[in-house]
């Protein structure tokens, strides 16, 4: 088990990568078929875990993540949480859980000297609309550009380049670096030359993003220890049982890939 209390106490930086809309079955089969060699090399033994998302589309899922909740294992018994807002007096906590006395995780980490930085991808991080400011407002520093968004075929490269620049900028203090990867969010049909978004095109989008995500992790961890969390916020339906999109409680939407490790 990861001792998050020790990690925060020691000032270990945290990288949280949300692969927007990535289905668990897509992540798993892409790994099995050799389409994500960088992630295969870097993920902990066993690869992706299957977990249940707390939200069926981007906004509620991320609000929950930043409140201290991560996707849960699909069984009744749950492992202790990595972090949790200070609970009522009657509730006991595992020693490894980082308990923050603040309304959200980012403010809680800030009280321990962390700088929270967001590199957005989808437009919920763009500040282009009132809702597009809700998530960025949680961070000390937030960044979004049109080339970070899913219509741009090389979005992940642009995002990773900027993440590495920010990591250098804030190298003097513990960092909570959040990256919302947009490549796996619709539209992604362009990765296979199709106007439609499908399971095949999401696999291709993940395959494209793989080397850049590998570069991000290996570059950051070459200098110091990081806690790395990678997961999807939700999945997407591409016609299963007649459903399309997200915001629905279909298994392909609610089952997401998850991994967490210290490197």
C-alpha atoms as a PDB file:
ATOM      1  CA  UNK A   1       0.000   0.000   0.000  1.00  0.00           C
ATOM      2  CA  UNK A   2       1.157   3.543  -0.717  1.00  0.00           C
ATOM      3  CA  UNK A   3       1.816   5.528   2.467  1.00  0.00           C
ATOM      4  CA  UNK A   4       0.381   8.871   1.379  1.00  0.00           C
ATOM      5  CA  UNK A   5       0.826  10.386   4.850  1.00  0.00           C
ATOM      6  CA  UNK A   6       4.582   9.758   4.621  1.00  0.00           C
ATOM      7  CA  UNK A   7       4.678  11.014   1.039  1.00  0.00           C
ATOM      8  CA  UNK A   8       3.109  14.353   1.964  1.00  0.00           C
ATOM      9  CA  UNK A   9       5.177  14.698   5.137  1.00  0.00           C
ATOM     10  CA  UNK A  10       8.371  14.159   3.112  1.00  0.00           C
ATOM     11  CA  UNK A  11       7.363  16.697   0.455  1.00  0.00           C
ATOM     12  CA  UNK A  12       7.306  14.187  -2.387  1.00  0.00           C
ATOM     13  CA  UNK A  13       5.832  15.734  -5.537  1.00  0.00           C
ATOM     14  CA  UNK A  14       2.660  14.268  -7.041  1.00  0.00           C
ATOM     15  CA  UNK A  15       1.779  13.790 -10.702  1.00  0.00           C
ATOM     16  CA  UNK A  16      -1.896  13.121 -11.381  1.00  0.00           C
ATOM     17  CA  UNK A  17      -2.720  12.278 -15.000  1.00  0.00           C
ATOM     18  CA  UNK A  18      -6.400  12.024 -15.959  1.00  0.00           C
ATOM     19  CA  UNK A  19      -6.856  10.332 -19.337  1.00  0.00           C
ATOM     20  CA  UNK A  20     -10.113  11.957 -20.260  1.00  0.00           C
ATOM     21  CA  UNK A  21     -12.901   9.570 -21.345  1.00  0.00           C
ATOM     22  CA  UNK A  22     -10.594   6.534 -21.554  1.00  0.00           C
ATOM     23  CA  UNK A  23     -12.498   3.277 -21.182  1.00  0.00           C
ATOM     24  CA  UNK A  24     -11.011   0.487 -19.091  1.00  0.00           C
ATOM     25  CA  UNK A  25     -11.402  -2.080 -21.873  1.00  0.00           C
ATOM     26  CA  UNK A  26      -9.603   0.210 -24.320  1.00  0.00           C
ATOM     27  CA  UNK A  27      -6.687   0.814 -21.934  1.00  0.00           C
ATOM     28  CA  UNK A  28      -6.375  -2.887 -21.085  1.00  0.00           C
ATOM     29  CA  UNK A  29      -6.495  -4.220 -24.644  1.00  0.00           C
ATOM     30  CA  UNK A  30      -4.161  -1.503 -25.920  1.00  0.00           C
ATOM     31  CA  UNK A  31      -1.640  -2.613 -23.294  1.00  0.00           C
ATOM     32  CA  UNK A  32      -2.120  -6.304 -24.108  1.00  0.00           C
ATOM     33  CA  UNK A  33      -1.736  -5.665 -27.830  1.00  0.00           C
ATOM     34  CA  UNK A  34       1.511  -3.741 -27.424  1.00  0.00           C
ATOM     35  CA  UNK A  35       0.073  -0.364 -28.465  1.00  0.00           C
ATOM     36  CA  UNK A  36       1.303   1.414 -25.306  1.00  0.00           C
ATOM     37  CA  UNK A  37       4.902   0.241 -24.781  1.00  0.00           C
ATOM     38  CA  UNK A  38       5.890   3.227 -22.629  1.00  0.00           C
ATOM     39  CA  UNK A  39       3.031   2.662 -20.208  1.00  0.00           C
ATOM     40  CA  UNK A  40       3.683  -1.084 -20.238  1.00  0.00           C
ATOM     41  CA  UNK A  41       7.227  -0.364 -19.059  1.00  0.00           C
ATOM     42  CA  UNK A  42       6.215   2.192 -16.435  1.00  0.00           C
ATOM     43  CA  UNK A  43       2.954   0.954 -14.929  1.00  0.00           C
ATOM     44  CA  UNK A  44       3.220  -1.123 -11.743  1.00  0.00           C
ATOM     45  CA  UNK A  45       3.174  -4.897 -12.026  1.00  0.00           C
ATOM     46  CA  UNK A  46      -0.195  -6.068 -13.271  1.00  0.00           C
ATOM     47  CA  UNK A  47      -0.777  -2.990 -15.418  1.00  0.00           C
ATOM     48  CA  UNK A  48      -4.089  -1.210 -15.237  1.00  0.00           C
ATOM     49  CA  UNK A  49      -6.535  -1.866 -12.418  1.00  0.00           C
ATOM     50  CA  UNK A  50     -10.232  -1.842 -13.200  1.00  0.00           C
ATOM     51  CA  UNK A  51     -12.025   0.677 -11.007  1.00  0.00           C
ATOM     52  CA  UNK A  52     -15.385   2.427 -10.787  1.00  0.00           C
ATOM     53  CA  UNK A  53     -15.429   6.170 -11.383  1.00  0.00           C
ATOM     54  CA  UNK A  54     -17.246   8.442  -8.928  1.00  0.00           C
ATOM     55  CA  UNK A  55     -18.609  10.548 -11.809  1.00  0.00           C
ATOM     56  CA  UNK A  56     -20.007   9.740 -15.240  1.00  0.00           C
ATOM     57  CA  UNK A  57     -18.644  12.836 -16.980  1.00  0.00           C
ATOM     58  CA  UNK A  58     -15.740  15.257 -16.612  1.00  0.00           C
ATOM     59  CA  UNK A  59     -17.037  17.876 -14.181  1.00  0.00           C
ATOM     60  CA  UNK A  60     -18.395  15.681 -11.352  1.00  0.00           C
ATOM     61  CA  UNK A  61     -15.570  13.159 -11.676  1.00  0.00           C
ATOM     62  CA  UNK A  62     -12.873  15.811 -11.296  1.00  0.00           C
ATOM     63  CA  UNK A  63     -14.677  17.673  -8.523  1.00  0.00           C
ATOM     64  CA  UNK A  64     -14.709  14.378  -6.650  1.00  0.00           C
ATOM     65  CA  UNK A  65     -11.036  13.661  -7.405  1.00  0.00           C
ATOM     66  CA  UNK A  66      -9.999  17.070  -6.087  1.00  0.00           C
ATOM     67  CA  UNK A  67     -12.139  16.536  -2.981  1.00  0.00           C
ATOM     68  CA  UNK A  68      -9.999  13.538  -2.072  1.00  0.00           C
ATOM     69  CA  UNK A  69     -11.903  10.642  -3.662  1.00  0.00           C
ATOM     70  CA  UNK A  70     -10.376   8.404  -6.332  1.00  0.00           C
ATOM     71  CA  UNK A  71     -12.023   5.611  -8.372  1.00  0.00           C
ATOM     72  CA  UNK A  72     -12.918   2.605  -6.205  1.00  0.00           C
ATOM     73  CA  UNK A  73     -12.152  -1.065  -6.720  1.00  0.00           C
ATOM     74  CA  UNK A  74     -15.162  -3.032  -8.018  1.00  0.00           C
ATOM     75  CA  UNK A  75     -15.731  -5.082  -4.877  1.00  0.00           C
ATOM     76  CA  UNK A  76     -17.383  -4.462  -1.511  1.00  0.00           C
ATOM     77  CA  UNK A  77     -14.118  -4.321   0.469  1.00  0.00           C
ATOM     78  CA  UNK A  78     -12.096  -1.176  -0.199  1.00  0.00           C
ATOM     79  CA  UNK A  79      -8.469  -0.429   0.561  1.00  0.00           C
ATOM     80  CA  UNK A  80      -7.711   2.597   2.765  1.00  0.00           C
ATOM     81  CA  UNK A  81      -7.895   5.833   0.816  1.00  0.00           C
ATOM     82  CA  UNK A  82      -4.744   7.731  -0.152  1.00  0.00           C
ATOM     83  CA  UNK A  83      -6.164  10.937   1.312  1.00  0.00           C
ATOM     84  CA  UNK A  84      -9.303  12.171   2.976  1.00  0.00           C
ATOM     85  CA  UNK A  85     -10.748  15.378   4.383  1.00  0.00           C
ATOM     86  CA  UNK A  86     -10.685  15.396   8.199  1.00  0.00           C
ATOM     87  CA  UNK A  87     -13.605  13.119   9.137  1.00  0.00           C
ATOM     88  CA  UNK A  88     -16.042  13.325  12.063  1.00  0.00           C
ATOM     89  CA  UNK A  89     -14.594  12.338  15.430  1.00  0.00           C
ATOM     90  CA  UNK A  90     -16.235   8.909  15.447  1.00  0.00           C
ATOM     91  CA  UNK A  91     -14.447   7.751  12.279  1.00  0.00           C
ATOM     92  CA  UNK A  92     -11.023   6.123  12.432  1.00  0.00           C
ATOM     93  CA  UNK A  93      -8.451   6.440   9.650  1.00  0.00           C
ATOM     94  CA  UNK A  94      -5.597   4.250   8.461  1.00  0.00           C
ATOM     95  CA  UNK A  95      -2.184   5.563   9.457  1.00  0.00           C
ATOM     96  CA  UNK A  96      -1.157   5.641   5.782  1.00  0.00           C
ATOM     97  CA  UNK A  97      -4.000   7.967   4.785  1.00  0.00           C
ATOM     98  CA  UNK A  98      -3.110  11.650   4.458  1.00  0.00           C
ATOM     99  CA  UNK A  99      -5.792  13.601   6.337  1.00  0.00           C
ATOM    100  CA  UNK A 100      -6.229  17.220   5.225  1.00  0.00           C
ATOM    101  CA  UNK A 101      -8.079  19.839   7.251  1.00  0.00           C
ATOM    102  CA  UNK A 102      -9.395  21.844   4.303  1.00  0.00           C
ATOM    103  CA  UNK A 103     -12.438  21.854   1.984  1.00  0.00           C
ATOM    104  CA  UNK A 104     -10.506  20.165  -0.836  1.00  0.00           C
ATOM    105  CA  UNK A 105      -7.294  18.244  -1.410  1.00  0.00           C
ATOM    106  CA  UNK A 106      -5.510  21.090  -3.191  1.00  0.00           C
ATOM    107  CA  UNK A 107      -5.995  23.509  -0.309  1.00  0.00           C
ATOM    108  CA  UNK A 108      -4.982  20.759   2.082  1.00  0.00           C
ATOM    109  CA  UNK A 109      -1.759  20.133   0.197  1.00  0.00           C
ATOM    110  CA  UNK A 110      -1.137  23.880   0.074  1.00  0.00           C
ATOM    111  CA  UNK A 111      -1.068  23.944   3.875  1.00  0.00           C
ATOM    112  CA  UNK A 112       1.796  21.445   3.640  1.00  0.00           C
ATOM    113  CA  UNK A 113       3.821  23.596   1.268  1.00  0.00           C
ATOM    114  CA  UNK A 114       2.622  22.204  -2.059  1.00  0.00           C
ATOM    115  CA  UNK A 115       2.047  24.267  -5.181  1.00  0.00           C
ATOM    116  CA  UNK A 116      -0.939  22.986  -7.181  1.00  0.00           C
ATOM    117  CA  UNK A 117      -0.621  23.399 -10.949  1.00  0.00           C
ATOM    118  CA  UNK A 118      -3.112  22.377 -13.638  1.00  0.00           C
ATOM    119  CA  UNK A 119      -2.446  21.774 -17.336  1.00  0.00           C
ATOM    120  CA  UNK A 120      -5.917  21.443 -18.797  1.00  0.00           C
ATOM    121  CA  UNK A 121      -7.038  19.644 -21.898  1.00  0.00           C
ATOM    122  CA  UNK A 122     -10.785  19.552 -22.435  1.00  0.00           C
ATOM    123  CA  UNK A 123     -12.790  22.766 -22.286  1.00  0.00           C
ATOM    124  CA  UNK A 124     -13.861  22.272 -18.657  1.00  0.00           C
ATOM    125  CA  UNK A 125     -10.354  23.650 -17.966  1.00  0.00           C
ATOM    126  CA  UNK A 126     -10.380  26.413 -20.577  1.00  0.00           C
ATOM    127  CA  UNK A 127     -12.060  29.319 -18.727  1.00  0.00           C
ATOM    128  CA  UNK A 128     -13.943  29.965 -21.985  1.00  0.00           C
ATOM    129  CA  UNK A 129     -17.268  29.552 -20.178  1.00  0.00           C
ATOM    130  CA  UNK A 130     -18.429  30.020 -16.558  1.00  0.00           C
ATOM    131  CA  UNK A 131     -18.267  26.233 -16.013  1.00  0.00           C
ATOM    132  CA  UNK A 132     -14.818  26.232 -17.607  1.00  0.00           C
ATOM    133  CA  UNK A 133     -13.520  28.180 -14.601  1.00  0.00           C
ATOM    134  CA  UNK A 134     -14.842  25.918 -11.813  1.00  0.00           C
ATOM    135  CA  UNK A 135     -12.019  23.365 -11.914  1.00  0.00           C
ATOM    136  CA  UNK A 136      -9.148  25.771 -12.699  1.00  0.00           C
ATOM    137  CA  UNK A 137     -10.200  27.981  -9.774  1.00  0.00           C
ATOM    138  CA  UNK A 138      -9.216  25.164  -7.391  1.00  0.00           C
ATOM    139  CA  UNK A 139      -5.525  25.435  -8.368  1.00  0.00           C
ATOM    140  CA  UNK A 140      -2.784  27.886  -7.455  1.00  0.00           C
ATOM    141  CA  UNK A 141      -1.800  28.039 -11.117  1.00  0.00           C
ATOM    142  CA  UNK A 142      -3.750  26.822 -14.161  1.00  0.00           C
ATOM    143  CA  UNK A 143      -2.940  26.667 -17.862  1.00  0.00           C
ATOM    144  CA  UNK A 144      -4.959  25.918 -20.981  1.00  0.00           C
ATOM    145  CA  UNK A 145      -4.325  26.623 -24.650  1.00  0.00           C
ATOM    146  CA  UNK A 146      -6.261  25.617 -27.781  1.00  0.00           C
ATOM    147  CA  UNK A 147      -3.411  23.302 -28.806  1.00  0.00           C
ATOM    148  CA  UNK A 148      -3.952  21.340 -25.561  1.00  0.00           C
ATOM    149  CA  UNK A 149      -7.489  20.366 -26.662  1.00  0.00           C
ATOM    150  CA  UNK A 150      -8.617  17.183 -28.416  1.00  0.00           C
ATOM    151  CA  UNK A 151      -9.181  18.581 -31.947  1.00  0.00           C
ATOM    152  CA  UNK A 152      -5.397  19.166 -32.084  1.00  0.00           C
ATOM    153  CA  UNK A 153      -3.787  15.888 -33.242  1.00  0.00           C
ATOM    154  CA  UNK A 154      -0.550  16.585 -31.338  1.00  0.00           C
ATOM    155  CA  UNK A 155      -2.212  17.812 -28.152  1.00  0.00           C
ATOM    156  CA  UNK A 156      -0.381  15.490 -25.754  1.00  0.00           C
ATOM    157  CA  UNK A 157       3.033  16.575 -26.984  1.00  0.00           C
ATOM    158  CA  UNK A 158       2.111  20.213 -26.395  1.00  0.00           C
ATOM    159  CA  UNK A 159       0.744  19.397 -22.947  1.00  0.00           C
ATOM    160  CA  UNK A 160       3.747  17.345 -21.856  1.00  0.00           C
ATOM    161  CA  UNK A 161       6.204  19.971 -23.084  1.00  0.00           C
ATOM    162  CA  UNK A 162       4.395  22.532 -20.960  1.00  0.00           C
ATOM    163  CA  UNK A 163       4.200  20.232 -17.915  1.00  0.00           C
ATOM    164  CA  UNK A 164       7.968  19.779 -18.000  1.00  0.00           C
ATOM    165  CA  UNK A 165       8.474  23.530 -18.273  1.00  0.00           C
ATOM    166  CA  UNK A 166       6.248  24.075 -15.232  1.00  0.00           C
ATOM    167  CA  UNK A 167       8.010  21.345 -13.248  1.00  0.00           C
ATOM    168  CA  UNK A 168      11.296  23.163 -13.789  1.00  0.00           C
ATOM    169  CA  UNK A 169       9.695  26.469 -12.832  1.00  0.00           C
ATOM    170  CA  UNK A 170       8.439  25.113  -9.499  1.00  0.00           C
ATOM    171  CA  UNK A 171      11.365  22.809  -8.781  1.00  0.00           C
ATOM    172  CA  UNK A 172      12.125  24.479  -5.448  1.00  0.00           C
ATOM    173  CA  UNK A 173       8.949  23.265  -3.697  1.00  0.00           C
ATOM    174  CA  UNK A 174       6.694  20.187  -3.610  1.00  0.00           C
ATOM    175  CA  UNK A 175       4.382  20.119  -6.598  1.00  0.00           C
ATOM    176  CA  UNK A 176       0.935  18.704  -7.257  1.00  0.00           C
ATOM    177  CA  UNK A 177       0.999  18.627 -11.045  1.00  0.00           C
ATOM    178  CA  UNK A 178      -2.287  17.740 -12.712  1.00  0.00           C
ATOM    179  CA  UNK A 179      -2.561  16.892 -16.409  1.00  0.00           C
ATOM    180  CA  UNK A 180      -5.895  16.362 -18.146  1.00  0.00           C
ATOM    181  CA  UNK A 181      -5.034  14.416 -21.317  1.00  0.00           C
ATOM    182  CA  UNK A 182      -7.504  15.412 -24.017  1.00  0.00           C
ATOM    183  CA  UNK A 183      -6.352  13.105 -26.834  1.00  0.00           C
ATOM    184  CA  UNK A 184      -8.565  10.244 -25.610  1.00  0.00           C
ATOM    185  CA  UNK A 185     -11.606  12.541 -25.474  1.00  0.00           C
ATOM    186  CA  UNK A 186     -13.738  12.951 -28.577  1.00  0.00           C
ATOM    187  CA  UNK A 187     -13.014  13.840 -31.306  1.00  0.00           C
ATOM    188  CA  UNK A 188     -10.361  11.175 -31.866  1.00  0.00           C
ATOM    189  CA  UNK A 189     -11.520   9.620 -35.146  1.00  0.00           C
ATOM    190  CA  UNK A 190      -8.778  11.612 -36.891  1.00  0.00           C
ATOM    191  CA  UNK A 191      -6.156   9.238 -35.444  1.00  0.00           C
ATOM    192  CA  UNK A 192      -7.406   6.560 -37.860  1.00  0.00           C
ATOM    193  CA  UNK A 193      -8.625   8.880 -40.614  1.00  0.00           C
ATOM    194  CA  UNK A 194     -12.288   8.505 -39.706  1.00  0.00           C
ATOM    195  CA  UNK A 195     -14.919  11.166 -39.056  1.00  0.00           C
ATOM    196  CA  UNK A 196     -16.514   8.909 -36.429  1.00  0.00           C
ATOM    197  CA  UNK A 197     -15.295   8.295 -32.870  1.00  0.00           C
ATOM    198  CA  UNK A 198     -15.029   4.599 -32.044  1.00  0.00           C
ATOM    199  CA  UNK A 199     -13.259   2.125 -29.778  1.00  0.00           C
ATOM    200  CA  UNK A 200     -10.633   1.761 -32.511  1.00  0.00           C
ATOM    201  CA  UNK A 201      -9.973   5.492 -32.707  1.00  0.00           C
ATOM    202  CA  UNK A 202      -9.720   5.823 -28.918  1.00  0.00           C
ATOM    203  CA  UNK A 203      -7.151   3.006 -28.930  1.00  0.00           C
ATOM    204  CA  UNK A 204      -5.223   4.902 -31.590  1.00  0.00           C
ATOM    205  CA  UNK A 205      -5.420   8.116 -29.560  1.00  0.00           C
ATOM    206  CA  UNK A 206      -4.020   6.347 -26.499  1.00  0.00           C
ATOM    207  CA  UNK A 207      -1.271   4.805 -28.614  1.00  0.00           C
ATOM    208  CA  UNK A 208      -0.361   8.287 -29.877  1.00  0.00           C
ATOM    209  CA  UNK A 209      -0.249   9.710 -26.325  1.00  0.00           C
ATOM    210  CA  UNK A 210       1.799   6.821 -24.940  1.00  0.00           C
ATOM    211  CA  UNK A 211       5.316   7.987 -25.828  1.00  0.00           C
ATOM    212  CA  UNK A 212       4.667  11.513 -24.572  1.00  0.00           C
ATOM    213  CA  UNK A 213       3.297  10.250 -21.260  1.00  0.00           C
ATOM    214  CA  UNK A 214       6.341   8.009 -20.956  1.00  0.00           C
ATOM    215  CA  UNK A 215       8.594  10.988 -21.597  1.00  0.00           C
ATOM    216  CA  UNK A 216       6.795  12.997 -18.927  1.00  0.00           C
ATOM    217  CA  UNK A 217       7.168  10.333 -16.245  1.00  0.00           C
ATOM    218  CA  UNK A 218      10.763   9.362 -16.987  1.00  0.00           C
ATOM    219  CA  UNK A 219      11.917  12.986 -17.162  1.00  0.00           C
ATOM    220  CA  UNK A 220      10.251  13.971 -13.886  1.00  0.00           C
ATOM    221  CA  UNK A 221      11.417  10.905 -11.973  1.00  0.00           C
ATOM    222  CA  UNK A 222      15.005  11.133 -13.230  1.00  0.00           C
ATOM    223  CA  UNK A 223      15.552  13.985 -10.767  1.00  0.00           C
ATOM    224  CA  UNK A 224      13.567  12.954  -7.680  1.00  0.00           C
ATOM    225  CA  UNK A 225      10.860  10.714  -6.264  1.00  0.00           C
ATOM    226  CA  UNK A 226       7.267  11.255  -7.399  1.00  0.00           C
ATOM    227  CA  UNK A 227       3.914   9.729  -6.516  1.00  0.00           C
ATOM    228  CA  UNK A 228       2.197   9.032  -9.836  1.00  0.00           C
ATOM    229  CA  UNK A 229      -1.537   8.533 -10.234  1.00  0.00           C
ATOM    230  CA  UNK A 230      -3.030   7.763 -13.638  1.00  0.00           C
ATOM    231  CA  UNK A 231      -6.677   7.076 -14.298  1.00  0.00           C
ATOM    232  CA  UNK A 232      -9.634   8.023 -16.453  1.00  0.00           C
ATOM    233  CA  UNK A 233     -12.397  10.262 -15.213  1.00  0.00           C
ATOM    234  CA  UNK A 234     -15.024   8.205 -17.065  1.00  0.00           C
ATOM    235  CA  UNK A 235     -15.455   6.179 -20.247  1.00  0.00           C
ATOM    236  CA  UNK A 236     -17.462   6.746 -23.412  1.00  0.00           C
ATOM    237  CA  UNK A 237     -20.149   4.628 -25.038  1.00  0.00           C
ATOM    238  CA  UNK A 238     -19.800   4.092 -28.774  1.00  0.00           C
ATOM    239  CA  UNK A 239     -23.144   2.429 -29.479  1.00  0.00           C
ATOM    240  CA  UNK A 240     -23.179  -0.310 -26.821  1.00  0.00           C
ATOM    241  CA  UNK A 241     -26.837  -1.139 -26.089  1.00  0.00           C
ATOM    242  CA  UNK A 242     -27.727   1.888 -28.203  1.00  0.00           C
ATOM    243  CA  UNK A 243     -25.901   4.366 -25.943  1.00  0.00           C
ATOM    244  CA  UNK A 244     -23.482   7.045 -27.090  1.00  0.00           C
ATOM    245  CA  UNK A 245     -21.347   9.403 -25.032  1.00  0.00           C
ATOM    246  CA  UNK A 246     -21.072   9.822 -21.277  1.00  0.00           C
ATOM    247  CA  UNK A 247     -23.157  11.008 -18.336  1.00  0.00           C
ATOM    248  CA  UNK A 248     -24.894   7.634 -18.216  1.00  0.00           C
ATOM    249  CA  UNK A 249     -24.465   4.743 -15.792  1.00  0.00           C
ATOM    250  CA  UNK A 250     -23.430   2.197 -18.426  1.00  0.00           C
ATOM    251  CA  UNK A 251     -20.531  -0.156 -17.550  1.00  0.00           C
ATOM    252  CA  UNK A 252     -18.343   1.163 -20.387  1.00  0.00           C
ATOM    253  CA  UNK A 253     -18.718   4.645 -18.880  1.00  0.00           C
ATOM    254  CA  UNK A 254     -18.314   3.681 -15.223  1.00  0.00           C
ATOM    255  CA  UNK A 255     -15.375   1.233 -15.565  1.00  0.00           C
ATOM    256  CA  UNK A 256     -12.089   3.124 -15.786  1.00  0.00           C
ATOM    257  CA  UNK A 257      -8.370   2.254 -15.748  1.00  0.00           C
ATOM    258  CA  UNK A 258      -6.385   3.174 -12.652  1.00  0.00           C
ATOM    259  CA  UNK A 259      -2.785   2.941 -11.483  1.00  0.00           C
ATOM    260  CA  UNK A 260      -0.836   4.520  -8.634  1.00  0.00           C
ATOM    261  CA  UNK A 261       2.802   4.014  -7.746  1.00  0.00           C
ATOM    262  CA  UNK A 262       5.893   5.732  -6.355  1.00  0.00           C
ATOM    263  CA  UNK A 263       8.827   6.078  -8.729  1.00  0.00           C
END
